[in-house]
Amino acid sequence: MPRKRPEFTKSPYFVDEPGNWHLKPGAPKELQIEFENYMNSLQDIEEPGAINGVHIDWPYDR
């Protein structure tokens, strides 16, 4: 299932280097906040029974 492309990726301040996403100096504060929130959301703690933060109901877990 395709993911929605974050709005900050369409900004001229966004730099899409593989493994090194960042914003150029002078990016608006709102854009910085959106970028930080997105990057922090990628660091969610993984728990058993979850794949990329999505819980999978396994028939043997019951």
PDB file of N, CA and C in Angstrom:
ATOM      1  N   MET A   1       0.849  -1.175   0.000  1.00  0.00           N
ATOM      2  CA  MET A   1       0.000   0.000   0.000  1.00  0.00           C
ATOM      3  C   MET A   1       0.898   1.242   0.000  1.00  0.00           C
ATOM      4  N   PRO A   2       0.726   2.137  -0.953  1.00  0.00           N
ATOM      5  CA  PRO A   2       1.584   3.317  -1.021  1.00  0.00           C
ATOM      6  C   PRO A   2       1.300   4.278   0.132  1.00  0.00           C
ATOM      7  N   ARG A   3       2.356   4.921   0.593  1.00  0.00           N
ATOM      8  CA  ARG A   3       2.202   5.914   1.655  1.00  0.00           C
ATOM      9  C   ARG A   3       2.035   7.289   1.032  1.00  0.00           C
ATOM     10  N   LYS A   4       1.326   8.162   1.744  1.00  0.00           N
ATOM     11  CA  LYS A   4       1.160   9.531   1.278  1.00  0.00           C
ATOM     12  C   LYS A   4       2.498  10.259   1.412  1.00  0.00           C
ATOM     13  N   ARG A   5       2.866  10.968   0.393  1.00  0.00           N
ATOM     14  CA  ARG A   5       4.128  11.725   0.395  1.00  0.00           C
ATOM     15  C   ARG A   5       3.971  12.943   1.302  1.00  0.00           C
ATOM     16  N   PRO A   6       4.842  13.100   2.306  1.00  0.00           N
ATOM     17  CA  PRO A   6       4.746  14.266   3.196  1.00  0.00           C
ATOM     18  C   PRO A   6       4.876  15.576   2.412  1.00  0.00           C
ATOM     19  N   GLU A   7       4.149  16.584   2.836  1.00  0.00           N
ATOM     20  CA  GLU A   7       4.142  17.875   2.148  1.00  0.00           C
ATOM     21  C   GLU A   7       5.529  18.527   2.116  1.00  0.00           C
ATOM     22  N   PHE A   8       6.324  18.338   3.167  1.00  0.00           N
ATOM     23  CA  PHE A   8       7.631  19.006   3.201  1.00  0.00           C
ATOM     24  C   PHE A   8       8.545  18.527   2.079  1.00  0.00           C
ATOM     25  N   THR A   9       8.284  17.335   1.516  1.00  0.00           N
ATOM     26  CA  THR A   9       9.144  16.828   0.440  1.00  0.00           C
ATOM     27  C   THR A   9       8.958  17.602  -0.858  1.00  0.00           C
ATOM     28  N   LYS A  10       7.909  18.398  -0.939  1.00  0.00           N
ATOM     29  CA  LYS A  10       7.645  19.193  -2.141  1.00  0.00           C
ATOM     30  C   LYS A  10       8.252  20.595  -2.050  1.00  0.00           C
ATOM     31  N   SER A  11       8.889  20.892  -0.913  1.00  0.00           N
ATOM     32  CA  SER A  11       9.460  22.214  -0.681  1.00  0.00           C
ATOM     33  C   SER A  11      10.841  22.340  -1.318  1.00  0.00           C
ATOM     34  N   PRO A  12      11.180  23.531  -1.793  1.00  0.00           N
ATOM     35  CA  PRO A  12      12.532  23.728  -2.325  1.00  0.00           C
ATOM     36  C   PRO A  12      13.599  23.692  -1.223  1.00  0.00           C
ATOM     37  N   TYR A  13      13.184  23.731   0.033  1.00  0.00           N
ATOM     38  CA  TYR A  13      14.134  23.652   1.153  1.00  0.00           C
ATOM     39  C   TYR A  13      14.493  22.209   1.503  1.00  0.00           C
ATOM     40  N   PHE A  14      13.743  21.260   0.971  1.00  0.00           N
ATOM     41  CA  PHE A  14      13.963  19.852   1.291  1.00  0.00           C
ATOM     42  C   PHE A  14      15.064  19.264   0.418  1.00  0.00           C
ATOM     43  N   VAL A  15      16.004  18.533   1.057  1.00  0.00           N
ATOM     44  CA  VAL A  15      17.087  17.866   0.334  1.00  0.00           C
ATOM     45  C   VAL A  15      16.904  16.365   0.510  1.00  0.00           C
ATOM     46  N   ASP A  16      16.674  15.667  -0.604  1.00  0.00           N
ATOM     47  CA  ASP A  16      16.393  14.232  -0.596  1.00  0.00           C
ATOM     48  C   ASP A  16      17.646  13.447  -0.957  1.00  0.00           C
ATOM     49  N   GLU A  17      18.580  13.400  -0.023  1.00  0.00           N
ATOM     50  CA  GLU A  17      19.775  12.580  -0.221  1.00  0.00           C
ATOM     51  C   GLU A  17      19.494  11.221   0.407  1.00  0.00           C
ATOM     52  N   PRO A  18      19.783  10.130  -0.283  1.00  0.00           N
ATOM     53  CA  PRO A  18      19.524   8.802   0.281  1.00  0.00           C
ATOM     54  C   PRO A  18      20.187   8.638   1.659  1.00  0.00           C
ATOM     55  N   GLY A  19      19.366   8.327   2.647  1.00  0.00           N
ATOM     56  CA  GLY A  19      19.867   8.140   4.004  1.00  0.00           C
ATOM     57  C   GLY A  19      20.244   9.421   4.726  1.00  0.00           C
ATOM     58  N   ASN A  20      19.981  10.588   4.118  1.00  0.00           N
ATOM     59  CA  ASN A  20      20.360  11.860   4.736  1.00  0.00           C
ATOM     60  C   ASN A  20      19.366  12.962   4.384  1.00  0.00           C
ATOM     61  N   TRP A  21      18.107  12.725   4.680  1.00  0.00           N
ATOM     62  CA  TRP A  21      17.123  13.780   4.445  1.00  0.00           C
ATOM     63  C   TRP A  21      17.421  14.940   5.372  1.00  0.00           C
ATOM     64  N   HIS A  22      17.341  16.153   4.847  1.00  0.00           N
ATOM     65  CA  HIS A  22      17.501  17.337   5.679  1.00  0.00           C
ATOM     66  C   HIS A  22      16.904  18.550   4.974  1.00  0.00           C
ATOM     67  N   LEU A  23      16.836  19.643   5.721  1.00  0.00           N
ATOM     68  CA  LEU A  23      16.332  20.896   5.171  1.00  0.00           C
ATOM     69  C   LEU A  23      17.493  21.853   4.968  1.00  0.00           C
ATOM     70  N   LYS A  24      17.389  22.663   3.938  1.00  0.00           N
ATOM     71  CA  LYS A  24      18.400  23.687   3.688  1.00  0.00           C
ATOM     72  C   LYS A  24      18.274  24.787   4.739  1.00  0.00           C
ATOM     73  N   PRO A  25      19.381  25.500   5.003  1.00  0.00           N
ATOM     74  CA  PRO A  25      19.305  26.636   5.931  1.00  0.00           C
ATOM     75  C   PRO A  25      18.277  27.657   5.455  1.00  0.00           C
ATOM     76  N   GLY A  26      17.579  28.251   6.405  1.00  0.00           N
ATOM     77  CA  GLY A  26      16.588  29.271   6.076  1.00  0.00           C
ATOM     78  C   GLY A  26      15.187  28.727   5.859  1.00  0.00           C
ATOM     79  N   ALA A  27      14.993  27.420   6.098  1.00  0.00           N
ATOM     80  CA  ALA A  27      13.657  26.834   5.935  1.00  0.00           C
ATOM     81  C   ALA A  27      12.698  27.475   6.934  1.00  0.00           C
ATOM     82  N   PRO A  28      11.454  27.741   6.518  1.00  0.00           N
ATOM     83  CA  PRO A  28      10.473  28.336   7.431  1.00  0.00           C
ATOM     84  C   PRO A  28      10.248  27.454   8.663  1.00  0.00           C
ATOM     85  N   LYS A  29       9.945  28.089   9.782  1.00  0.00           N
ATOM     86  CA  LYS A  29       9.754  27.396  11.058  1.00  0.00           C
ATOM     87  C   LYS A  29       8.683  26.302  10.954  1.00  0.00           C
ATOM     88  N   GLU A  30       7.576  26.578  10.256  1.00  0.00           N
ATOM     89  CA  GLU A  30       6.497  25.590  10.112  1.00  0.00           C
ATOM     90  C   GLU A  30       7.000  24.330   9.403  1.00  0.00           C
ATOM     91  N   LEU A  31       7.835  24.545   8.401  1.00  0.00           N
ATOM     92  CA  LEU A  31       8.404  23.430   7.648  1.00  0.00           C
ATOM     93  C   LEU A  31       9.361  22.631   8.528  1.00  0.00           C
ATOM     94  N   GLN A  32      10.144  23.318   9.331  1.00  0.00           N
ATOM     95  CA  GLN A  32      11.062  22.646  10.248  1.00  0.00           C
ATOM     96  C   GLN A  32      10.298  21.772  11.240  1.00  0.00           C
ATOM     97  N   ILE A  33       9.194  22.280  11.750  1.00  0.00           N
ATOM     98  CA  ILE A  33       8.384  21.529  12.714  1.00  0.00           C
ATOM     99  C   ILE A  33       7.778  20.299  12.049  1.00  0.00           C
ATOM    100  N   GLU A  34       7.215  20.470  10.853  1.00  0.00           N
ATOM    101  CA  GLU A  34       6.633  19.338  10.121  1.00  0.00           C
ATOM    102  C   GLU A  34       7.688  18.263   9.851  1.00  0.00           C
ATOM    103  N   PHE A  35       8.870  18.687   9.425  1.00  0.00           N
ATOM    104  CA  PHE A  35       9.963  17.765   9.138  1.00  0.00           C
ATOM    105  C   PHE A  35      10.386  17.014  10.401  1.00  0.00           C
ATOM    106  N   GLU A  36      10.590  17.744  11.500  1.00  0.00           N
ATOM    107  CA  GLU A  36      10.994  17.119  12.765  1.00  0.00           C
ATOM    108  C   GLU A  36       9.958  16.111  13.244  1.00  0.00           C
ATOM    109  N   ASN A  37       8.683  16.481  13.173  1.00  0.00           N
ATOM    110  CA  ASN A  37       7.618  15.569  13.604  1.00  0.00           C
ATOM    111  C   ASN A  37       7.617  14.295  12.774  1.00  0.00           C
ATOM    112  N   TYR A  38       7.802  14.437  11.476  1.00  0.00           N
ATOM    113  CA  TYR A  38       7.826  13.261  10.606  1.00  0.00           C
ATOM    114  C   TYR A  38       9.028  12.371  10.933  1.00  0.00           C
ATOM    115  N   MET A  39      10.202  12.960  11.053  1.00  0.00           N
ATOM    116  CA  MET A  39      11.402  12.175  11.329  1.00  0.00           C
ATOM    117  C   MET A  39      11.312  11.485  12.697  1.00  0.00           C
ATOM    118  N   ASN A  40      10.745  12.164  13.685  1.00  0.00           N
ATOM    119  CA  ASN A  40      10.569  11.559  15.005  1.00  0.00           C
ATOM    120  C   ASN A  40       9.579  10.402  14.957  1.00  0.00           C
ATOM    121  N   SER A  41       8.566  10.498  14.086  1.00  0.00           N
ATOM    122  CA  SER A  41       7.567   9.425  13.992  1.00  0.00           C
ATOM    123  C   SER A  41       8.179   8.145  13.426  1.00  0.00           C
ATOM    124  N   LEU A  42       9.276   8.258  12.717  1.00  0.00           N
ATOM    125  CA  LEU A  42       9.935   7.083  12.160  1.00  0.00           C
ATOM    126  C   LEU A  42      10.708   6.307  13.214  1.00  0.00           C
ATOM    127  N   GLN A  43      10.903   6.904  14.381  1.00  0.00           N
ATOM    128  CA  GLN A  43      11.684   6.279  15.434  1.00  0.00           C
ATOM    129  C   GLN A  43      10.807   5.622  16.496  1.00  0.00           C
ATOM    130  N   ASP A  44       9.535   5.351  16.166  1.00  0.00           N
ATOM    131  CA  ASP A  44       8.637   4.699  17.117  1.00  0.00           C
ATOM    132  C   ASP A  44       9.223   3.366  17.551  1.00  0.00           C
ATOM    133  N   ILE A  45       9.048   3.062  18.803  1.00  0.00           N
ATOM    134  CA  ILE A  45       9.567   1.808  19.346  1.00  0.00           C
ATOM    135  C   ILE A  45       8.819   0.640  18.723  1.00  0.00           C
ATOM    136  N   GLU A  46       9.569  -0.312  18.227  1.00  0.00           N
ATOM    137  CA  GLU A  46       8.956  -1.499  17.667  1.00  0.00           C
ATOM    138  C   GLU A  46       8.633  -2.458  18.801  1.00  0.00           C
ATOM    139  N   GLU A  47       7.469  -3.068  18.731  1.00  0.00           N
ATOM    140  CA  GLU A  47       7.080  -4.017  19.751  1.00  0.00           C
ATOM    141  C   GLU A  47       6.802  -5.360  19.095  1.00  0.00           C
ATOM    142  N   PRO A  48       6.894  -6.445  19.848  1.00  0.00           N
ATOM    143  CA  PRO A  48       6.630  -7.766  19.272  1.00  0.00           C
ATOM    144  C   PRO A  48       5.229  -7.816  18.658  1.00  0.00           C
ATOM    145  N   GLY A  49       5.136  -8.421  17.500  1.00  0.00           N
ATOM    146  CA  GLY A  49       3.841  -8.532  16.819  1.00  0.00           C
ATOM    147  C   GLY A  49       3.511  -7.333  15.956  1.00  0.00           C
ATOM    148  N   ALA A  50       4.470  -6.437  15.761  1.00  0.00           N
ATOM    149  CA  ALA A  50       4.225  -5.244  14.955  1.00  0.00           C
ATOM    150  C   ALA A  50       5.247  -5.167  13.822  1.00  0.00           C
ATOM    151  N   ILE A  51       4.772  -4.697  12.686  1.00  0.00           N
ATOM    152  CA  ILE A  51       5.639  -4.455  11.541  1.00  0.00           C
ATOM    153  C   ILE A  51       5.451  -2.999  11.166  1.00  0.00           C
ATOM    154  N   ASN A  52       6.517  -2.219  11.274  1.00  0.00           N
ATOM    155  CA  ASN A  52       6.466  -0.781  10.996  1.00  0.00           C
ATOM    156  C   ASN A  52       5.353  -0.097  11.784  1.00  0.00           C
ATOM    157  N   GLY A  53       5.180  -0.489  13.043  1.00  0.00           N
ATOM    158  CA  GLY A  53       4.191   0.154  13.897  1.00  0.00           C
ATOM    159  C   GLY A  53       2.771  -0.342  13.702  1.00  0.00           C
ATOM    160  N   VAL A  54       2.559  -1.307  12.823  1.00  0.00           N
ATOM    161  CA  VAL A  54       1.222  -1.844  12.580  1.00  0.00           C
ATOM    162  C   VAL A  54       1.134  -3.202  13.250  1.00  0.00           C
ATOM    163  N   HIS A  55       0.184  -3.344  14.171  1.00  0.00           N
ATOM    164  CA  HIS A  55       0.043  -4.609  14.887  1.00  0.00           C
ATOM    165  C   HIS A  55      -0.590  -5.653  13.966  1.00  0.00           C
ATOM    166  N   ILE A  56      -0.009  -6.816  13.936  1.00  0.00           N
ATOM    167  CA  ILE A  56      -0.505  -7.918  13.122  1.00  0.00           C
ATOM    168  C   ILE A  56      -1.134  -8.960  14.062  1.00  0.00           C
ATOM    169  N   ASP A  57      -2.405  -9.251  13.876  1.00  0.00           N
ATOM    170  CA  ASP A  57      -3.059 -10.287  14.681  1.00  0.00           C
ATOM    171  C   ASP A  57      -2.622 -11.644  14.147  1.00  0.00           C
ATOM    172  N   TRP A  58      -1.945 -12.383  14.989  1.00  0.00           N
ATOM    173  CA  TRP A  58      -1.459 -13.694  14.619  1.00  0.00           C
ATOM    174  C   TRP A  58      -2.352 -14.711  15.317  1.00  0.00           C
ATOM    175  N   PRO A  59      -2.849 -15.708  14.606  1.00  0.00           N
ATOM    176  CA  PRO A  59      -3.799 -16.635  15.219  1.00  0.00           C
ATOM    177  C   PRO A  59      -3.239 -17.369  16.434  1.00  0.00           C
ATOM    178  N   TYR A  60      -1.924 -17.501  16.552  1.00  0.00           N
ATOM    179  CA  TYR A  60      -1.350 -18.234  17.660  1.00  0.00           C
ATOM    180  C   TYR A  60      -1.116 -17.350  18.886  1.00  0.00           C
ATOM    181  N   ASP A  61      -1.371 -16.022  18.762  1.00  0.00           N
ATOM    182  CA  ASP A  61      -1.176 -15.111  19.885  1.00  0.00           C
ATOM    183  C   ASP A  61      -2.350 -15.143  20.855  1.00  0.00           C
ATOM    184  N   ARG A  62      -3.416 -15.779  20.479  1.00  0.00           N
ATOM    185  CA  ARG A  62      -4.642 -15.724  21.297  1.00  0.00           C
ATOM    186  C   ARG A  62      -4.705 -16.776  22.314  1.00  0.00           C
TER     187      ARG A  62
END
